[in-house]
Amino acid sequence: MTKMSSVVSAFEFLAQAPAQGGIPGVMIFGYILLFAAMYFFMIAPQRRKQKEHEKMLAALESGDEIVTTGGIYAVITNVKDDRFVVRIADNTKVELGKGFVQTVLKRQGAEKK
């Protein structure tokens, strides 16, 4: 028998072998378990963080000191529907989209004791 015929017979054997399949219920349960783990470790914390950020944005008022996502420190001078007018330096005001506020440093009404 030549090498070529042994290779051909090996492929014929593999072609005739029954396909290995798992139990469908176990595979479905594995996928459900994988999706649940992904939800609890990735999606749920991100949604919670997004809701907290939206709540923080809704509470912002004129006079609050903020930091933008670009790292600019500013003071809110005016609140509009979809943006803030902020003062970043003396005589320098810019409009900033609400989504670009990262953190609040100091609230207008909150005084240090």
PDB file of N, CA and C in Angstrom:
ATOM      1  N   MET A   1       0.862  -1.168   0.000  1.00  0.00           N
ATOM      2  CA  MET A   1       0.000   0.000   0.000  1.00  0.00           C
ATOM      3  C   MET A   1       0.908   1.232   0.000  1.00  0.00           C
ATOM      4  N   THR A   2       0.587   2.174  -0.819  1.00  0.00           N
ATOM      5  CA  THR A   2       1.393   3.380  -0.916  1.00  0.00           C
ATOM      6  C   THR A   2       0.907   4.405   0.092  1.00  0.00           C
ATOM      7  N   LYS A   3       1.696   5.430   0.263  1.00  0.00           N
ATOM      8  CA  LYS A   3       1.321   6.497   1.206  1.00  0.00           C
ATOM      9  C   LYS A   3       0.029   7.169   0.772  1.00  0.00           C
ATOM     10  N   MET A   4      -0.116   7.382  -0.510  1.00  0.00           N
ATOM     11  CA  MET A   4      -1.301   8.072  -1.018  1.00  0.00           C
ATOM     12  C   MET A   4      -2.566   7.287  -0.732  1.00  0.00           C
ATOM     13  N   SER A   5      -2.520   5.994  -0.887  1.00  0.00           N
ATOM     14  CA  SER A   5      -3.719   5.195  -0.647  1.00  0.00           C
ATOM     15  C   SER A   5      -4.045   5.144   0.839  1.00  0.00           C
ATOM     16  N   SER A   6      -3.037   5.201   1.704  1.00  0.00           N
ATOM     17  CA  SER A   6      -3.315   5.204   3.141  1.00  0.00           C
ATOM     18  C   SER A   6      -3.934   6.529   3.579  1.00  0.00           C
ATOM     19  N   VAL A   7      -3.532   7.618   2.965  1.00  0.00           N
ATOM     20  CA  VAL A   7      -4.112   8.920   3.272  1.00  0.00           C
ATOM     21  C   VAL A   7      -5.559   8.959   2.802  1.00  0.00           C
ATOM     22  N   VAL A   8      -5.827   8.405   1.609  1.00  0.00           N
ATOM     23  CA  VAL A   8      -7.183   8.374   1.077  1.00  0.00           C
ATOM     24  C   VAL A   8      -8.074   7.509   1.960  1.00  0.00           C
ATOM     25  N   SER A   9      -7.553   6.382   2.424  1.00  0.00           N
ATOM     26  CA  SER A   9      -8.368   5.509   3.273  1.00  0.00           C
ATOM     27  C   SER A   9      -8.634   6.172   4.628  1.00  0.00           C
ATOM     28  N   ALA A  10      -7.706   6.982   5.118  1.00  0.00           N
ATOM     29  CA  ALA A  10      -7.926   7.697   6.373  1.00  0.00           C
ATOM     30  C   ALA A  10      -9.041   8.730   6.219  1.00  0.00           C
ATOM     31  N   PHE A  11      -9.048   9.442   5.083  1.00  0.00           N
ATOM     32  CA  PHE A  11     -10.117  10.410   4.836  1.00  0.00           C
ATOM     33  C   PHE A  11     -11.467   9.720   4.670  1.00  0.00           C
ATOM     34  N   GLU A  12     -11.477   8.566   4.040  1.00  0.00           N
ATOM     35  CA  GLU A  12     -12.730   7.813   3.895  1.00  0.00           C
ATOM     36  C   GLU A  12     -13.253   7.391   5.257  1.00  0.00           C
ATOM     37  N   PHE A  13     -12.349   6.977   6.136  1.00  0.00           N
ATOM     38  CA  PHE A  13     -12.763   6.582   7.471  1.00  0.00           C
ATOM     39  C   PHE A  13     -13.374   7.754   8.235  1.00  0.00           C
ATOM     40  N   LEU A  14     -12.745   8.926   8.122  1.00  0.00           N
ATOM     41  CA  LEU A  14     -13.263  10.107   8.806  1.00  0.00           C
ATOM     42  C   LEU A  14     -14.600  10.547   8.219  1.00  0.00           C
ATOM     43  N   ALA A  15     -14.770  10.379   6.926  1.00  0.00           N
ATOM     44  CA  ALA A  15     -16.023  10.778   6.295  1.00  0.00           C
ATOM     45  C   ALA A  15     -17.165   9.865   6.721  1.00  0.00           C
ATOM     46  N   GLN A  16     -16.853   8.610   7.024  1.00  0.00           N
ATOM     47  CA  GLN A  16     -17.890   7.664   7.415  1.00  0.00           C
ATOM     48  C   GLN A  16     -18.175   7.703   8.910  1.00  0.00           C
ATOM     49  N   ALA A  17     -17.316   8.323   9.688  1.00  0.00           N
ATOM     50  CA  ALA A  17     -17.496   8.352  11.139  1.00  0.00           C
ATOM     51  C   ALA A  17     -18.705   9.217  11.487  1.00  0.00           C
ATOM     52  N   PRO A  18     -19.503   8.806  12.452  1.00  0.00           N
ATOM     53  CA  PRO A  18     -20.666   9.614  12.837  1.00  0.00           C
ATOM     54  C   PRO A  18     -20.217  10.924  13.480  1.00  0.00           C
ATOM     55  N   ALA A  19     -20.997  11.944  13.252  1.00  0.00           N
ATOM     56  CA  ALA A  19     -20.673  13.261  13.805  1.00  0.00           C
ATOM     57  C   ALA A  19     -20.833  13.229  15.319  1.00  0.00           C
ATOM     58  N   GLN A  20     -19.874  13.812  15.998  1.00  0.00           N
ATOM     59  CA  GLN A  20     -19.943  13.886  17.456  1.00  0.00           C
ATOM     60  C   GLN A  20     -20.830  15.055  17.843  1.00  0.00           C
ATOM     61  N   GLY A  21     -21.876  14.830  18.533  1.00  0.00           N
ATOM     62  CA  GLY A  21     -22.778  15.893  18.951  1.00  0.00           C
ATOM     63  C   GLY A  21     -23.070  15.774  20.425  1.00  0.00           C
ATOM     64  N   GLY A  22     -23.288  16.895  21.046  1.00  0.00           N
ATOM     65  CA  GLY A  22     -23.614  16.888  22.456  1.00  0.00           C
ATOM     66  C   GLY A  22     -25.114  16.807  22.643  1.00  0.00           C
ATOM     67  N   ILE A  23     -25.509  16.730  23.861  1.00  0.00           N
ATOM     68  CA  ILE A  23     -26.931  16.725  24.183  1.00  0.00           C
ATOM     69  C   ILE A  23     -27.439  18.152  24.005  1.00  0.00           C
ATOM     70  N   PRO A  24     -28.467  18.376  23.190  1.00  0.00           N
ATOM     71  CA  PRO A  24     -28.916  19.748  22.915  1.00  0.00           C
ATOM     72  C   PRO A  24     -29.330  20.518  24.169  1.00  0.00           C
ATOM     73  N   GLY A  25     -29.938  19.865  25.115  1.00  0.00           N
ATOM     74  CA  GLY A  25     -30.366  20.551  26.336  1.00  0.00           C
ATOM     75  C   GLY A  25     -29.202  21.088  27.138  1.00  0.00           C
ATOM     76  N   VAL A  26     -28.120  20.325  27.182  1.00  0.00           N
ATOM     77  CA  VAL A  26     -26.937  20.752  27.928  1.00  0.00           C
ATOM     78  C   VAL A  26     -26.286  21.939  27.231  1.00  0.00           C
ATOM     79  N   MET A  27     -26.250  21.907  25.907  1.00  0.00           N
ATOM     80  CA  MET A  27     -25.655  23.017  25.167  1.00  0.00           C
ATOM     81  C   MET A  27     -26.476  24.289  25.342  1.00  0.00           C
ATOM     82  N   ILE A  28     -27.780  24.171  25.288  1.00  0.00           N
ATOM     83  CA  ILE A  28     -28.645  25.342  25.477  1.00  0.00           C
ATOM     84  C   ILE A  28     -28.483  25.897  26.887  1.00  0.00           C
ATOM     85  N   PHE A  29     -28.425  25.011  27.878  1.00  0.00           N
ATOM     86  CA  PHE A  29     -28.225  25.447  29.258  1.00  0.00           C
ATOM     87  C   PHE A  29     -26.887  26.164  29.406  1.00  0.00           C
ATOM     88  N   GLY A  30     -25.862  25.689  28.725  1.00  0.00           N
ATOM     89  CA  GLY A  30     -24.549  26.340  28.770  1.00  0.00           C
ATOM     90  C   GLY A  30     -24.586  27.740  28.188  1.00  0.00           C
ATOM     91  N   TYR A  31     -25.299  27.900  27.064  1.00  0.00           N
ATOM     92  CA  TYR A  31     -25.426  29.222  26.459  1.00  0.00           C
ATOM     93  C   TYR A  31     -26.210  30.170  27.355  1.00  0.00           C
ATOM     94  N   ILE A  32     -27.260  29.676  27.978  1.00  0.00           N
ATOM     95  CA  ILE A  32     -28.053  30.511  28.885  1.00  0.00           C
ATOM     96  C   ILE A  32     -27.208  30.926  30.079  1.00  0.00           C
ATOM     97  N   LEU A  33     -26.450  29.995  30.607  1.00  0.00           N
ATOM     98  CA  LEU A  33     -25.571  30.299  31.742  1.00  0.00           C
ATOM     99  C   LEU A  33     -24.504  31.321  31.353  1.00  0.00           C
ATOM    100  N   LEU A  34     -23.955  31.196  30.155  1.00  0.00           N
ATOM    101  CA  LEU A  34     -22.957  32.149  29.667  1.00  0.00           C
ATOM    102  C   LEU A  34     -23.557  33.544  29.511  1.00  0.00           C
ATOM    103  N   PHE A  35     -24.752  33.632  28.947  1.00  0.00           N
ATOM    104  CA  PHE A  35     -25.415  34.929  28.787  1.00  0.00           C
ATOM    105  C   PHE A  35     -25.744  35.555  30.136  1.00  0.00           C
ATOM    106  N   ALA A  36     -26.220  34.751  31.092  1.00  0.00           N
ATOM    107  CA  ALA A  36     -26.543  35.277  32.427  1.00  0.00           C
ATOM    108  C   ALA A  36     -25.290  35.827  33.108  1.00  0.00           C
ATOM    109  N   ALA A  37     -24.180  35.123  32.996  1.00  0.00           N
ATOM    110  CA  ALA A  37     -22.941  35.596  33.609  1.00  0.00           C
ATOM    111  C   ALA A  37     -22.492  36.892  32.958  1.00  0.00           C
ATOM    112  N   MET A  38     -22.599  36.963  31.635  1.00  0.00           N
ATOM    113  CA  MET A  38     -22.210  38.181  30.932  1.00  0.00           C
ATOM    114  C   MET A  38     -23.096  39.351  31.359  1.00  0.00           C
ATOM    115  N   TYR A  39     -24.386  39.106  31.539  1.00  0.00           N
ATOM    116  CA  TYR A  39     -25.304  40.164  31.952  1.00  0.00           C
ATOM    117  C   TYR A  39     -24.935  40.689  33.338  1.00  0.00           C
ATOM    118  N   PHE A  40     -24.733  39.783  34.287  1.00  0.00           N
ATOM    119  CA  PHE A  40     -24.479  40.213  35.662  1.00  0.00           C
ATOM    120  C   PHE A  40     -23.104  40.834  35.853  1.00  0.00           C
ATOM    121  N   PHE A  41     -22.132  40.457  35.038  1.00  0.00           N
ATOM    122  CA  PHE A  41     -20.788  40.999  35.211  1.00  0.00           C
ATOM    123  C   PHE A  41     -20.493  42.203  34.329  1.00  0.00           C
ATOM    124  N   MET A  42     -21.254  42.380  33.231  1.00  0.00           N
ATOM    125  CA  MET A  42     -20.931  43.462  32.308  1.00  0.00           C
ATOM    126  C   MET A  42     -22.080  44.440  32.108  1.00  0.00           C
ATOM    127  N   ILE A  43     -23.241  43.960  31.784  1.00  0.00           N
ATOM    128  CA  ILE A  43     -24.333  44.837  31.383  1.00  0.00           C
ATOM    129  C   ILE A  43     -24.988  45.521  32.568  1.00  0.00           C
ATOM    130  N   ALA A  44     -25.315  44.790  33.615  1.00  0.00           N
ATOM    131  CA  ALA A  44     -26.013  45.370  34.774  1.00  0.00           C
ATOM    132  C   ALA A  44     -25.202  46.480  35.452  1.00  0.00           C
ATOM    133  N   PRO A  45     -23.906  46.297  35.727  1.00  0.00           N
ATOM    134  CA  PRO A  45     -23.154  47.395  36.351  1.00  0.00           C
ATOM    135  C   PRO A  45     -23.063  48.635  35.465  1.00  0.00           C
ATOM    136  N   GLN A  46     -22.955  48.429  34.151  1.00  0.00           N
ATOM    137  CA  GLN A  46     -22.881  49.565  33.236  1.00  0.00           C
ATOM    138  C   GLN A  46     -24.192  50.336  33.228  1.00  0.00           C
ATOM    139  N   ARG A  47     -25.325  49.641  33.248  1.00  0.00           N
ATOM    140  CA  ARG A  47     -26.627  50.315  33.269  1.00  0.00           C
ATOM    141  C   ARG A  47     -26.807  51.092  34.575  1.00  0.00           C
ATOM    142  N   ARG A  48     -26.356  50.520  35.692  1.00  0.00           N
ATOM    143  CA  ARG A  48     -26.451  51.191  36.990  1.00  0.00           C
ATOM    144  C   ARG A  48     -25.611  52.470  36.978  1.00  0.00           C
ATOM    145  N   LYS A  49     -24.407  52.385  36.436  1.00  0.00           N
ATOM    146  CA  LYS A  49     -23.519  53.548  36.359  1.00  0.00           C
ATOM    147  C   LYS A  49     -24.116  54.633  35.466  1.00  0.00           C
ATOM    148  N   GLN A  50     -24.749  54.227  34.365  1.00  0.00           N
ATOM    149  CA  GLN A  50     -25.367  55.182  33.454  1.00  0.00           C
ATOM    150  C   GLN A  50     -26.539  55.899  34.124  1.00  0.00           C
ATOM    151  N   LYS A  51     -27.339  55.192  34.905  1.00  0.00           N
ATOM    152  CA  LYS A  51     -28.463  55.825  35.612  1.00  0.00           C
ATOM    153  C   LYS A  51     -27.967  56.816  36.659  1.00  0.00           C
ATOM    154  N   GLU A  52     -26.893  56.471  37.365  1.00  0.00           N
ATOM    155  CA  GLU A  52     -26.326  57.390  38.350  1.00  0.00           C
ATOM    156  C   GLU A  52     -25.805  58.657  37.666  1.00  0.00           C
ATOM    157  N   HIS A  53     -25.189  58.520  36.501  1.00  0.00           N
ATOM    158  CA  HIS A  53     -24.671  59.673  35.763  1.00  0.00           C
ATOM    159  C   HIS A  53     -25.817  60.564  35.296  1.00  0.00           C
ATOM    160  N   GLU A  54     -26.901  59.970  34.796  1.00  0.00           N
ATOM    161  CA  GLU A  54     -28.063  60.751  34.366  1.00  0.00           C
ATOM    162  C   GLU A  54     -28.694  61.490  35.541  1.00  0.00           C
ATOM    163  N   LYS A  55     -28.748  60.843  36.707  1.00  0.00           N
ATOM    164  CA  LYS A  55     -29.293  61.484  37.911  1.00  0.00           C
ATOM    165  C   LYS A  55     -28.411  62.667  38.323  1.00  0.00           C
ATOM    166  N   MET A  56     -27.093  62.502  38.242  1.00  0.00           N
ATOM    167  CA  MET A  56     -26.161  63.581  38.575  1.00  0.00           C
ATOM    168  C   MET A  56     -26.332  64.746  37.615  1.00  0.00           C
ATOM    169  N   LEU A  57     -26.504  64.465  36.318  1.00  0.00           N
ATOM    170  CA  LEU A  57     -26.690  65.531  35.336  1.00  0.00           C
ATOM    171  C   LEU A  57     -27.988  66.295  35.571  1.00  0.00           C
ATOM    172  N   ALA A  58     -29.035  65.600  35.961  1.00  0.00           N
ATOM    173  CA  ALA A  58     -30.317  66.259  36.203  1.00  0.00           C
ATOM    174  C   ALA A  58     -30.264  67.189  37.406  1.00  0.00           C
ATOM    175  N   ALA A  59     -29.371  66.925  38.346  1.00  0.00           N
ATOM    176  CA  ALA A  59     -29.285  67.731  39.567  1.00  0.00           C
ATOM    177  C   ALA A  59     -28.352  68.937  39.429  1.00  0.00           C
ATOM    178  N   LEU A  60     -27.652  69.066  38.324  1.00  0.00           N
ATOM    179  CA  LEU A  60     -26.715  70.182  38.157  1.00  0.00           C
ATOM    180  C   LEU A  60     -27.451  71.507  37.973  1.00  0.00           C
ATOM    181  N   GLU A  61     -26.888  72.571  38.566  1.00  0.00           N
ATOM    182  CA  GLU A  61     -27.471  73.912  38.484  1.00  0.00           C
ATOM    183  C   GLU A  61     -26.364  74.931  38.249  1.00  0.00           C
ATOM    184  N   SER A  62     -26.754  76.160  38.046  1.00  0.00           N
ATOM    185  CA  SER A  62     -25.786  77.245  37.888  1.00  0.00           C
ATOM    186  C   SER A  62     -24.963  77.393  39.160  1.00  0.00           C
ATOM    187  N   GLY A  63     -23.671  77.593  38.995  1.00  0.00           N
ATOM    188  CA  GLY A  63     -22.779  77.768  40.134  1.00  0.00           C
ATOM    189  C   GLY A  63     -22.044  76.500  40.541  1.00  0.00           C
ATOM    190  N   ASP A  64     -22.444  75.344  40.035  1.00  0.00           N
ATOM    191  CA  ASP A  64     -21.761  74.095  40.371  1.00  0.00           C
ATOM    192  C   ASP A  64     -20.419  74.025  39.649  1.00  0.00           C
ATOM    193  N   GLU A  65     -19.403  73.521  40.350  1.00  0.00           N
ATOM    194  CA  GLU A  65     -18.094  73.323  39.737  1.00  0.00           C
ATOM    195  C   GLU A  65     -18.020  71.895  39.224  1.00  0.00           C
ATOM    196  N   ILE A  66     -17.568  71.741  37.969  1.00  0.00           N
ATOM    197  CA  ILE A  66     -17.543  70.425  37.328  1.00  0.00           C
ATOM    198  C   ILE A  66     -16.193  70.156  36.687  1.00  0.00           C
ATOM    199  N   VAL A  67     -15.985  68.911  36.296  1.00  0.00           N
ATOM    200  CA  VAL A  67     -14.847  68.507  35.479  1.00  0.00           C
ATOM    201  C   VAL A  67     -15.428  67.812  34.257  1.00  0.00           C
ATOM    202  N   THR A  68     -14.974  68.205  33.066  1.00  0.00           N
ATOM    203  CA  THR A  68     -15.461  67.596  31.836  1.00  0.00           C
ATOM    204  C   THR A  68     -14.691  66.312  31.545  1.00  0.00           C
ATOM    205  N   THR A  69     -15.178  65.540  30.574  1.00  0.00           N
ATOM    206  CA  THR A  69     -14.470  64.316  30.204  1.00  0.00           C
ATOM    207  C   THR A  69     -13.116  64.616  29.587  1.00  0.00           C
ATOM    208  N   GLY A  70     -12.924  65.819  29.102  1.00  0.00           N
ATOM    209  CA  GLY A  70     -11.626  66.234  28.567  1.00  0.00           C
ATOM    210  C   GLY A  70     -10.676  66.743  29.630  1.00  0.00           C
ATOM    211  N   GLY A  71     -11.127  66.805  30.882  1.00  0.00           N
ATOM    212  CA  GLY A  71     -10.274  67.239  31.984  1.00  0.00           C
ATOM    213  C   GLY A  71     -10.289  68.731  32.242  1.00  0.00           C
ATOM    214  N   ILE A  72     -11.266  69.449  31.706  1.00  0.00           N
ATOM    215  CA  ILE A  72     -11.352  70.896  31.900  1.00  0.00           C
ATOM    216  C   ILE A  72     -12.196  71.177  33.136  1.00  0.00           C
ATOM    217  N   TYR A  73     -11.668  71.990  34.028  1.00  0.00           N
ATOM    218  CA  TYR A  73     -12.403  72.417  35.219  1.00  0.00           C
ATOM    219  C   TYR A  73     -13.218  73.646  34.844  1.00  0.00           C
ATOM    220  N   ALA A  74     -14.497  73.655  35.225  1.00  0.00           N
ATOM    221  CA  ALA A  74     -15.371  74.754  34.819  1.00  0.00           C
ATOM    222  C   ALA A  74     -16.444  74.986  35.874  1.00  0.00           C
ATOM    223  N   VAL A  75     -17.110  76.139  35.744  1.00  0.00           N
ATOM    224  CA  VAL A  75     -18.239  76.494  36.609  1.00  0.00           C
ATOM    225  C   VAL A  75     -19.448  76.709  35.695  1.00  0.00           C
ATOM    226  N   ILE A  76     -20.555  76.074  36.044  1.00  0.00           N
ATOM    227  CA  ILE A  76     -21.769  76.217  35.234  1.00  0.00           C
ATOM    228  C   ILE A  76     -22.360  77.603  35.463  1.00  0.00           C
ATOM    229  N   THR A  77     -22.634  78.317  34.373  1.00  0.00           N
ATOM    230  CA  THR A  77     -23.252  79.645  34.491  1.00  0.00           C
ATOM    231  C   THR A  77     -24.701  79.641  34.030  1.00  0.00           C
ATOM    232  N   ASN A  78     -25.061  78.705  33.144  1.00  0.00           N
ATOM    233  CA  ASN A  78     -26.427  78.652  32.642  1.00  0.00           C
ATOM    234  C   ASN A  78     -26.747  77.211  32.252  1.00  0.00           C
ATOM    235  N   VAL A  79     -27.981  76.782  32.518  1.00  0.00           N
ATOM    236  CA  VAL A  79     -28.418  75.433  32.181  1.00  0.00           C
ATOM    237  C   VAL A  79     -29.450  75.530  31.069  1.00  0.00           C
ATOM    238  N   LYS A  80     -29.200  74.818  29.964  1.00  0.00           N
ATOM    239  CA  LYS A  80     -30.140  74.745  28.852  1.00  0.00           C
ATOM    240  C   LYS A  80     -30.676  73.319  28.767  1.00  0.00           C
ATOM    241  N   ASP A  81     -31.569  73.062  27.819  1.00  0.00           N
ATOM    242  CA  ASP A  81     -32.180  71.742  27.708  1.00  0.00           C
ATOM    243  C   ASP A  81     -31.157  70.630  27.471  1.00  0.00           C
ATOM    244  N   ASP A  82     -30.269  70.824  26.509  1.00  0.00           N
ATOM    245  CA  ASP A  82     -29.343  69.766  26.137  1.00  0.00           C
ATOM    246  C   ASP A  82     -27.876  70.106  26.373  1.00  0.00           C
ATOM    247  N   ARG A  83     -27.610  71.249  26.980  1.00  0.00           N
ATOM    248  CA  ARG A  83     -26.219  71.654  27.205  1.00  0.00           C
ATOM    249  C   ARG A  83     -26.115  72.647  28.365  1.00  0.00           C
ATOM    250  N   PHE A  84     -24.878  72.862  28.776  1.00  0.00           N
ATOM    251  CA  PHE A  84     -24.575  73.837  29.820  1.00  0.00           C
ATOM    252  C   PHE A  84     -23.707  74.933  29.219  1.00  0.00           C
ATOM    253  N   VAL A  85     -23.857  76.140  29.732  1.00  0.00           N
ATOM    254  CA  VAL A  85     -22.910  77.216  29.427  1.00  0.00           C
ATOM    255  C   VAL A  85     -21.987  77.263  30.634  1.00  0.00           C
ATOM    256  N   VAL A  86     -20.693  77.064  30.385  1.00  0.00           N
ATOM    257  CA  VAL A  86     -19.733  76.985  31.486  1.00  0.00           C
ATOM    258  C   VAL A  86     -18.654  78.043  31.318  1.00  0.00           C
ATOM    259  N   ARG A  87     -18.139  78.507  32.466  1.00  0.00           N
ATOM    260  CA  ARG A  87     -17.031  79.459  32.469  1.00  0.00           C
ATOM    261  C   ARG A  87     -15.762  78.663  32.756  1.00  0.00           C
ATOM    262  N   ILE A  88     -14.808  78.724  31.822  1.00  0.00           N
ATOM    263  CA  ILE A  88     -13.569  77.978  32.005  1.00  0.00           C
ATOM    264  C   ILE A  88     -12.403  78.886  32.392  1.00  0.00           C
ATOM    265  N   ALA A  89     -12.567  80.190  32.195  1.00  0.00           N
ATOM    266  CA  ALA A  89     -11.560  81.171  32.599  1.00  0.00           C
ATOM    267  C   ALA A  89     -12.269  82.520  32.689  1.00  0.00           C
ATOM    268  N   ASP A  90     -11.564  83.551  33.155  1.00  0.00           N
ATOM    269  CA  ASP A  90     -12.157  84.884  33.215  1.00  0.00           C
ATOM    270  C   ASP A  90     -12.553  85.313  31.810  1.00  0.00           C
ATOM    271  N   ASN A  91     -13.781  85.769  31.667  1.00  0.00           N
ATOM    272  CA  ASN A  91     -14.330  86.232  30.390  1.00  0.00           C
ATOM    273  C   ASN A  91     -14.311  85.170  29.286  1.00  0.00           C
ATOM    274  N   THR A  92     -14.318  83.894  29.649  1.00  0.00           N
ATOM    275  CA  THR A  92     -14.350  82.817  28.652  1.00  0.00           C
ATOM    276  C   THR A  92     -15.454  81.837  29.009  1.00  0.00           C
ATOM    277  N   LYS A  93     -16.498  81.850  28.201  1.00  0.00           N
ATOM    278  CA  LYS A  93     -17.610  80.924  28.399  1.00  0.00           C
ATOM    279  C   LYS A  93     -17.772  80.071  27.151  1.00  0.00           C
ATOM    280  N   VAL A  94     -18.075  78.813  27.351  1.00  0.00           N
ATOM    281  CA  VAL A  94     -18.321  77.899  26.237  1.00  0.00           C
ATOM    282  C   VAL A  94     -19.567  77.079  26.542  1.00  0.00           C
ATOM    283  N   GLU A  95     -20.159  76.546  25.480  1.00  0.00           N
ATOM    284  CA  GLU A  95     -21.300  75.655  25.658  1.00  0.00           C
ATOM    285  C   GLU A  95     -20.783  74.224  25.624  1.00  0.00           C
ATOM    286  N   LEU A  96     -21.301  73.426  26.540  1.00  0.00           N
ATOM    287  CA  LEU A  96     -20.832  72.058  26.724  1.00  0.00           C
ATOM    288  C   LEU A  96     -22.029  71.120  26.720  1.00  0.00           C
ATOM    289  N   GLY A  97     -21.965  70.056  25.937  1.00  0.00           N
ATOM    290  CA  GLY A  97     -23.029  69.056  25.938  1.00  0.00           C
ATOM    291  C   GLY A  97     -23.141  68.394  27.296  1.00  0.00           C
ATOM    292  N   LYS A  98     -24.369  68.086  27.712  1.00  0.00           N
ATOM    293  CA  LYS A  98     -24.572  67.514  29.043  1.00  0.00           C
ATOM    294  C   LYS A  98     -23.844  66.194  29.243  1.00  0.00           C
ATOM    295  N   GLY A  99     -23.691  65.427  28.195  1.00  0.00           N
ATOM    296  CA  GLY A  99     -23.030  64.136  28.314  1.00  0.00           C
ATOM    297  C   GLY A  99     -21.536  64.218  28.565  1.00  0.00           C
ATOM    298  N   PHE A 100     -20.954  65.408  28.429  1.00  0.00           N
ATOM    299  CA  PHE A 100     -19.514  65.569  28.588  1.00  0.00           C
ATOM    300  C   PHE A 100     -19.106  65.997  29.988  1.00  0.00           C
ATOM    301  N   VAL A 101     -20.044  66.026  30.913  1.00  0.00           N
ATOM    302  CA  VAL A 101     -19.720  66.310  32.315  1.00  0.00           C
ATOM    303  C   VAL A 101     -19.351  64.986  32.967  1.00  0.00           C
ATOM    304  N   GLN A 102     -18.152  64.934  33.535  1.00  0.00           N
ATOM    305  CA  GLN A 102     -17.688  63.698  34.151  1.00  0.00           C
ATOM    306  C   GLN A 102     -18.020  63.650  35.641  1.00  0.00           C
ATOM    307  N   THR A 103     -17.606  64.664  36.386  1.00  0.00           N
ATOM    308  CA  THR A 103     -17.852  64.678  37.833  1.00  0.00           C
ATOM    309  C   THR A 103     -18.206  66.079  38.295  1.00  0.00           C
ATOM    310  N   VAL A 104     -18.804  66.133  39.470  1.00  0.00           N
ATOM    311  CA  VAL A 104     -19.127  67.403  40.120  1.00  0.00           C
ATOM    312  C   VAL A 104     -18.155  67.570  41.276  1.00  0.00           C
ATOM    313  N   LEU A 105     -17.454  68.706  41.295  1.00  0.00           N
ATOM    314  CA  LEU A 105     -16.511  68.970  42.380  1.00  0.00           C
ATOM    315  C   LEU A 105     -17.185  69.592  43.581  1.00  0.00           C
ATOM    316  N   LYS A 106     -18.023  70.617  43.328  1.00  0.00           N
ATOM    317  CA  LYS A 106     -18.664  71.313  44.453  1.00  0.00           C
ATOM    318  C   LYS A 106     -20.015  71.833  43.989  1.00  0.00           C
ATOM    319  N   ARG A 107     -21.009  71.585  44.790  1.00  0.00           N
ATOM    320  CA  ARG A 107     -22.364  72.098  44.505  1.00  0.00           C
ATOM    321  C   ARG A 107     -22.460  73.521  45.003  1.00  0.00           C
ATOM    322  N   GLN A 108     -23.341  74.293  44.363  1.00  0.00           N
ATOM    323  CA  GLN A 108     -23.538  75.702  44.730  1.00  0.00           C
ATOM    324  C   GLN A 108     -24.034  75.825  46.171  1.00  0.00           C
ATOM    325  N   GLY A 109     -25.007  75.031  46.573  1.00  0.00           N
ATOM    326  CA  GLY A 109     -25.593  75.144  47.913  1.00  0.00           C
ATOM    327  C   GLY A 109     -24.775  74.501  49.001  1.00  0.00           C
ATOM    328  N   ALA A 110     -23.870  73.607  48.659  1.00  0.00           N
ATOM    329  CA  ALA A 110     -23.091  72.886  49.661  1.00  0.00           C
ATOM    330  C   ALA A 110     -21.876  73.730  50.068  1.00  0.00           C
ATOM    331  N   GLU A 111     -21.774  74.035  51.336  1.00  0.00           N
ATOM    332  CA  GLU A 111     -20.675  74.829  51.867  1.00  0.00           C
ATOM    333  C   GLU A 111     -19.784  73.914  52.699  1.00  0.00           C
ATOM    334  N   LYS A 112     -18.455  74.139  52.633  1.00  0.00           N
ATOM    335  CA  LYS A 112     -17.540  73.358  53.457  1.00  0.00           C
ATOM    336  C   LYS A 112     -17.607  73.838  54.886  1.00  0.00           C
ATOM    337  N   LYS A 113     -17.600  72.880  55.803  1.00  0.00           N
ATOM    338  CA  LYS A 113     -17.675  73.204  57.239  1.00  0.00           C
ATOM    339  C   LYS A 113     -16.326  73.107  57.881  1.00  0.00           C
TER     340      LYS A 113
END
